[in-house]
Amino acid sequence: MTVAAKSQPGLITIAQAAALLEITDRYVRKLIAEGHIPKPQRNMVPLVGAVQGYCRFLKNEERRASKTAAAADVQKARAEEIRLRIAREQSKLIETDGAVAAFADCLGTLRYELEGVAAAATRDLGTRERIKSLQNEAFGRAQRKFSAKKAALQSKSARGIKK
């Protein structure tokens, strides 16, 4: 400890403050310039003032960082909302329920239209039943695939995932 420090209790040098706070002398001077730490008197700063000033500075930085992160989250959400609105206006995005209903309607119409094909194709009842059976199997496969795709779309929609 220097002679000056012994003669002025409660004061430490800028170098000692830097060592105590685990920062550089230059950073201590920056904190002094910004008003976080009291101004030095003959290269000496109050010990309590240096510690309290540094703590206030850290709290302010933490608060500022938190506000910045929150603002970035809001900005990101707004950008996503705008992107979705533009996509909807350009008909690049449709509601999942509307797509499912339209596809179900098309599948139902196709099944209805093909219902009479077996009867129109042959008078043989055995062949008719075979054709109907094959059609029903095909529609069953299509229905299972449609149901799986529908569930996947609804799952993505519920989680907010882009489709």
C-alpha atoms as a PDB file:
ATOM      1  CA  MET A   1       0.000   0.000   0.000  1.00  0.00           C
ATOM      2  CA  THR A   2       1.312   3.456  -0.859  1.00  0.00           C
ATOM      3  CA  VAL A   3       1.993   6.211   1.615  1.00  0.00           C
ATOM      4  CA  ALA A   4      -0.914   8.214   0.171  1.00  0.00           C
ATOM      5  CA  ALA A   5      -3.297   5.307   0.673  1.00  0.00           C
ATOM      6  CA  LYS A   6      -2.188   4.963   4.304  1.00  0.00           C
ATOM      7  CA  SER A   7      -2.823   8.621   4.956  1.00  0.00           C
ATOM      8  CA  GLN A   8      -6.311   8.586   3.389  1.00  0.00           C
ATOM      9  CA  PRO A   9      -8.380   5.669   4.741  1.00  0.00           C
ATOM     10  CA  GLY A  10     -11.118   4.337   2.463  1.00  0.00           C
ATOM     11  CA  LEU A  11      -9.293   5.410  -0.711  1.00  0.00           C
ATOM     12  CA  ILE A  12      -7.527   3.085  -3.122  1.00  0.00           C
ATOM     13  CA  THR A  13      -5.577   3.694  -6.291  1.00  0.00           C
ATOM     14  CA  ILE A  14      -7.144   3.146  -9.695  1.00  0.00           C
ATOM     15  CA  ALA A  15      -4.834   0.161 -10.170  1.00  0.00           C
ATOM     16  CA  GLN A  16      -6.016  -1.330  -6.866  1.00  0.00           C
ATOM     17  CA  ALA A  17      -9.663  -0.725  -7.843  1.00  0.00           C
ATOM     18  CA  ALA A  18      -9.018  -2.471 -11.154  1.00  0.00           C
ATOM     19  CA  ALA A  19      -7.431  -5.446  -9.379  1.00  0.00           C
ATOM     20  CA  LEU A  20     -10.278  -5.595  -6.845  1.00  0.00           C
ATOM     21  CA  LEU A  21     -12.980  -5.487  -9.549  1.00  0.00           C
ATOM     22  CA  GLU A  22     -11.009  -7.789 -11.890  1.00  0.00           C
ATOM     23  CA  ILE A  23     -11.048  -5.269 -14.734  1.00  0.00           C
ATOM     24  CA  THR A  24      -8.373  -3.129 -16.372  1.00  0.00           C
ATOM     25  CA  ASP A  25      -7.206   0.328 -15.254  1.00  0.00           C
ATOM     26  CA  ARG A  26      -8.532   1.675 -18.542  1.00  0.00           C
ATOM     27  CA  TYR A  27     -11.991   0.217 -17.836  1.00  0.00           C
ATOM     28  CA  VAL A  28     -11.988   1.782 -14.348  1.00  0.00           C
ATOM     29  CA  ARG A  29     -11.203   5.144 -15.983  1.00  0.00           C
ATOM     30  CA  LYS A  30     -14.054   4.585 -18.452  1.00  0.00           C
ATOM     31  CA  LEU A  31     -16.462   3.894 -15.562  1.00  0.00           C
ATOM     32  CA  ILE A  32     -15.221   7.061 -13.846  1.00  0.00           C
ATOM     33  CA  ALA A  33     -15.765   9.065 -17.058  1.00  0.00           C
ATOM     34  CA  GLU A  34     -19.296   7.680 -17.383  1.00  0.00           C
ATOM     35  CA  GLY A  35     -20.040   8.634 -13.762  1.00  0.00           C
ATOM     36  CA  HIS A  36     -20.442   5.123 -12.356  1.00  0.00           C
ATOM     37  CA  ILE A  37     -17.441   5.469 -10.029  1.00  0.00           C
ATOM     38  CA  PRO A  38     -16.742   8.746  -8.156  1.00  0.00           C
ATOM     39  CA  LYS A  39     -14.015  10.964  -9.662  1.00  0.00           C
ATOM     40  CA  PRO A  40     -10.536  10.280  -8.318  1.00  0.00           C
ATOM     41  CA  GLN A  41      -8.615  12.625  -6.070  1.00  0.00           C
ATOM     42  CA  ARG A  42      -4.894  12.375  -6.876  1.00  0.00           C
ATOM     43  CA  ASN A  43      -5.354   9.006  -8.626  1.00  0.00           C
ATOM     44  CA  MET A  44      -7.310   7.642  -5.631  1.00  0.00           C
ATOM     45  CA  VAL A  45     -10.963   6.546  -5.599  1.00  0.00           C
ATOM     46  CA  PRO A  46     -13.175   5.675  -2.630  1.00  0.00           C
ATOM     47  CA  LEU A  47     -13.212   1.917  -2.088  1.00  0.00           C
ATOM     48  CA  VAL A  48     -16.941   1.766  -1.342  1.00  0.00           C
ATOM     49  CA  GLY A  49     -17.752   4.131  -4.233  1.00  0.00           C
ATOM     50  CA  ALA A  50     -15.763   1.984  -6.680  1.00  0.00           C
ATOM     51  CA  VAL A  51     -17.471  -1.256  -5.637  1.00  0.00           C
ATOM     52  CA  GLN A  52     -20.979   0.244  -5.510  1.00  0.00           C
ATOM     53  CA  GLY A  53     -20.465   2.082  -8.796  1.00  0.00           C
ATOM     54  CA  TYR A  54     -19.304  -1.080 -10.529  1.00  0.00           C
ATOM     55  CA  CYS A  55     -22.285  -3.026  -9.130  1.00  0.00           C
ATOM     56  CA  ARG A  56     -24.724  -0.347 -10.363  1.00  0.00           C
ATOM     57  CA  PHE A  57     -23.051  -0.435 -13.772  1.00  0.00           C
ATOM     58  CA  LEU A  58     -23.429  -4.238 -13.989  1.00  0.00           C
ATOM     59  CA  LYS A  59     -27.099  -4.071 -12.996  1.00  0.00           C
ATOM     60  CA  ASN A  60     -27.768  -1.412 -15.633  1.00  0.00           C
ATOM     61  CA  GLU A  61     -25.969  -3.481 -18.284  1.00  0.00           C
ATOM     62  CA  GLU A  62     -27.975  -6.570 -17.344  1.00  0.00           C
ATOM     63  CA  ARG A  63     -31.233  -4.610 -17.554  1.00  0.00           C
ATOM     64  CA  ARG A  64     -30.218  -3.094 -20.886  1.00  0.00           C
ATOM     65  CA  ALA A  65     -29.303  -6.515 -22.290  1.00  0.00           C
ATOM     66  CA  SER A  66     -32.632  -7.939 -21.116  1.00  0.00           C
ATOM     67  CA  LYS A  67     -34.561  -5.105 -22.762  1.00  0.00           C
ATOM     68  CA  THR A  68     -32.567  -5.555 -25.968  1.00  0.00           C
ATOM     69  CA  ALA A  69     -33.327  -9.291 -26.045  1.00  0.00           C
ATOM     70  CA  ALA A  70     -37.025  -8.649 -25.454  1.00  0.00           C
ATOM     71  CA  ALA A  71     -37.068  -6.011 -28.204  1.00  0.00           C
ATOM     72  CA  ALA A  72     -35.360  -8.452 -30.574  1.00  0.00           C
ATOM     73  CA  ASP A  73     -37.994 -11.101 -29.807  1.00  0.00           C
ATOM     74  CA  VAL A  74     -40.791  -8.635 -30.521  1.00  0.00           C
ATOM     75  CA  GLN A  75     -39.101  -7.549 -33.748  1.00  0.00           C
ATOM     76  CA  LYS A  76     -38.745 -11.181 -34.837  1.00  0.00           C
ATOM     77  CA  ALA A  77     -42.421 -11.920 -34.078  1.00  0.00           C
ATOM     78  CA  ARG A  78     -43.526  -8.849 -36.041  1.00  0.00           C
ATOM     79  CA  ALA A  79     -41.382  -9.855 -39.005  1.00  0.00           C
ATOM     80  CA  GLU A  80     -42.913 -13.364 -38.971  1.00  0.00           C
ATOM     81  CA  GLU A  81     -46.410 -11.899 -38.781  1.00  0.00           C
ATOM     82  CA  ILE A  82     -45.701  -9.643 -41.755  1.00  0.00           C
ATOM     83  CA  ARG A  83     -44.180 -12.548 -43.717  1.00  0.00           C
ATOM     84  CA  LEU A  84     -47.281 -14.667 -43.099  1.00  0.00           C
ATOM     85  CA  ARG A  85     -49.653 -11.834 -43.998  1.00  0.00           C
ATOM     86  CA  ILE A  86     -47.840 -11.208 -47.287  1.00  0.00           C
ATOM     87  CA  ALA A  87     -47.783 -14.926 -48.114  1.00  0.00           C
ATOM     88  CA  ARG A  88     -51.526 -15.162 -47.418  1.00  0.00           C
ATOM     89  CA  GLU A  89     -52.227 -12.106 -49.587  1.00  0.00           C
ATOM     90  CA  GLN A  90     -50.177 -13.610 -52.416  1.00  0.00           C
ATOM     91  CA  SER A  91     -52.108 -16.885 -52.111  1.00  0.00           C
ATOM     92  CA  LYS A  92     -48.965 -18.754 -51.129  1.00  0.00           C
ATOM     93  CA  LEU A  93     -50.427 -19.648 -47.753  1.00  0.00           C
ATOM     94  CA  ILE A  94     -53.791 -21.225 -47.057  1.00  0.00           C
ATOM     95  CA  GLU A  95     -55.552 -22.292 -43.893  1.00  0.00           C
ATOM     96  CA  THR A  96     -54.932 -25.944 -43.016  1.00  0.00           C
ATOM     97  CA  ASP A  97     -58.624 -26.606 -42.365  1.00  0.00           C
ATOM     98  CA  GLY A  98     -59.555 -25.184 -45.777  1.00  0.00           C
ATOM     99  CA  ALA A  99     -56.991 -27.344 -47.558  1.00  0.00           C
ATOM    100  CA  VAL A 100     -58.118 -30.470 -45.706  1.00  0.00           C
ATOM    101  CA  ALA A 101     -61.782 -29.782 -46.521  1.00  0.00           C
ATOM    102  CA  ALA A 102     -61.041 -29.129 -50.208  1.00  0.00           C
ATOM    103  CA  PHE A 103     -59.009 -32.312 -50.554  1.00  0.00           C
ATOM    104  CA  ALA A 104     -61.641 -34.387 -48.716  1.00  0.00           C
ATOM    105  CA  ASP A 105     -64.290 -32.994 -51.048  1.00  0.00           C
ATOM    106  CA  CYS A 106     -62.220 -33.917 -54.125  1.00  0.00           C
ATOM    107  CA  LEU A 107     -61.590 -37.408 -52.799  1.00  0.00           C
ATOM    108  CA  GLY A 108     -65.313 -37.862 -52.088  1.00  0.00           C
ATOM    109  CA  THR A 109     -66.270 -36.633 -55.574  1.00  0.00           C
ATOM    110  CA  LEU A 110     -63.759 -39.009 -57.189  1.00  0.00           C
ATOM    111  CA  ARG A 111     -65.125 -41.952 -55.208  1.00  0.00           C
ATOM    112  CA  TYR A 112     -68.710 -41.053 -56.181  1.00  0.00           C
ATOM    113  CA  GLU A 113     -67.779 -40.723 -59.858  1.00  0.00           C
ATOM    114  CA  LEU A 114     -65.962 -44.070 -59.919  1.00  0.00           C
ATOM    115  CA  GLU A 115     -68.768 -45.905 -58.118  1.00  0.00           C
ATOM    116  CA  GLY A 116     -70.534 -46.806 -61.372  1.00  0.00           C
ATOM    117  CA  VAL A 117     -67.427 -47.806 -63.357  1.00  0.00           C
ATOM    118  CA  ALA A 118     -67.629 -51.507 -62.403  1.00  0.00           C
ATOM    119  CA  ALA A 119     -71.272 -51.743 -63.490  1.00  0.00           C
ATOM    120  CA  ALA A 120     -70.543 -49.883 -66.739  1.00  0.00           C
ATOM    121  CA  ALA A 121     -67.497 -52.037 -67.505  1.00  0.00           C
ATOM    122  CA  THR A 122     -69.048 -55.485 -67.211  1.00  0.00           C
ATOM    123  CA  ARG A 123     -72.258 -57.385 -66.616  1.00  0.00           C
ATOM    124  CA  ASP A 124     -70.410 -60.244 -64.954  1.00  0.00           C
ATOM    125  CA  LEU A 125     -71.198 -59.940 -61.230  1.00  0.00           C
ATOM    126  CA  GLY A 126     -67.954 -61.644 -60.155  1.00  0.00           C
ATOM    127  CA  THR A 127     -65.837 -59.233 -62.202  1.00  0.00           C
ATOM    128  CA  ARG A 128     -67.884 -56.294 -60.932  1.00  0.00           C
ATOM    129  CA  GLU A 129     -67.264 -57.307 -57.335  1.00  0.00           C
ATOM    130  CA  ARG A 130     -63.544 -57.724 -58.064  1.00  0.00           C
ATOM    131  CA  ILE A 131     -63.366 -54.219 -59.597  1.00  0.00           C
ATOM    132  CA  LYS A 132     -65.286 -52.731 -56.639  1.00  0.00           C
ATOM    133  CA  SER A 133     -63.013 -54.555 -54.225  1.00  0.00           C
ATOM    134  CA  LEU A 134     -59.893 -53.184 -55.947  1.00  0.00           C
ATOM    135  CA  GLN A 135     -61.396 -49.688 -55.975  1.00  0.00           C
ATOM    136  CA  ASN A 136     -62.237 -49.910 -52.274  1.00  0.00           C
ATOM    137  CA  GLU A 137     -58.704 -51.070 -51.464  1.00  0.00           C
ATOM    138  CA  ALA A 138     -57.260 -48.153 -53.466  1.00  0.00           C
ATOM    139  CA  PHE A 139     -59.576 -45.697 -51.735  1.00  0.00           C
ATOM    140  CA  GLY A 140     -58.645 -47.195 -48.359  1.00  0.00           C
ATOM    141  CA  ARG A 141     -54.949 -46.634 -49.070  1.00  0.00           C
ATOM    142  CA  ALA A 142     -55.669 -43.103 -50.266  1.00  0.00           C
ATOM    143  CA  GLN A 143     -57.802 -42.430 -47.161  1.00  0.00           C
ATOM    144  CA  ARG A 144     -55.047 -43.646 -44.812  1.00  0.00           C
ATOM    145  CA  LYS A 145     -52.466 -41.518 -46.597  1.00  0.00           C
ATOM    146  CA  PHE A 146     -54.819 -38.521 -46.525  1.00  0.00           C
ATOM    147  CA  SER A 147     -55.454 -39.006 -42.803  1.00  0.00           C
ATOM    148  CA  ALA A 148     -51.708 -39.181 -42.086  1.00  0.00           C
ATOM    149  CA  LYS A 149     -51.028 -36.020 -44.110  1.00  0.00           C
ATOM    150  CA  LYS A 150     -53.952 -34.262 -42.416  1.00  0.00           C
ATOM    151  CA  ALA A 151     -52.608 -35.144 -38.962  1.00  0.00           C
ATOM    152  CA  ALA A 152     -49.118 -33.946 -39.926  1.00  0.00           C
ATOM    153  CA  LEU A 153     -50.473 -30.639 -41.242  1.00  0.00           C
ATOM    154  CA  GLN A 154     -52.599 -30.075 -38.169  1.00  0.00           C
ATOM    155  CA  SER A 155     -49.683 -30.953 -35.905  1.00  0.00           C
ATOM    156  CA  LYS A 156     -47.424 -28.426 -37.659  1.00  0.00           C
ATOM    157  CA  SER A 157     -50.180 -25.829 -37.570  1.00  0.00           C
ATOM    158  CA  ALA A 158     -50.714 -26.321 -33.847  1.00  0.00           C
ATOM    159  CA  ARG A 159     -46.996 -25.860 -33.166  1.00  0.00           C
ATOM    160  CA  GLY A 160     -46.762 -22.816 -35.441  1.00  0.00           C
ATOM    161  CA  ILE A 161     -44.356 -24.491 -37.859  1.00  0.00           C
ATOM    162  CA  LYS A 162     -44.218 -23.185 -41.403  1.00  0.00           C
ATOM    163  CA  LYS A 163     -45.898 -25.436 -43.904  1.00  0.00           C
END
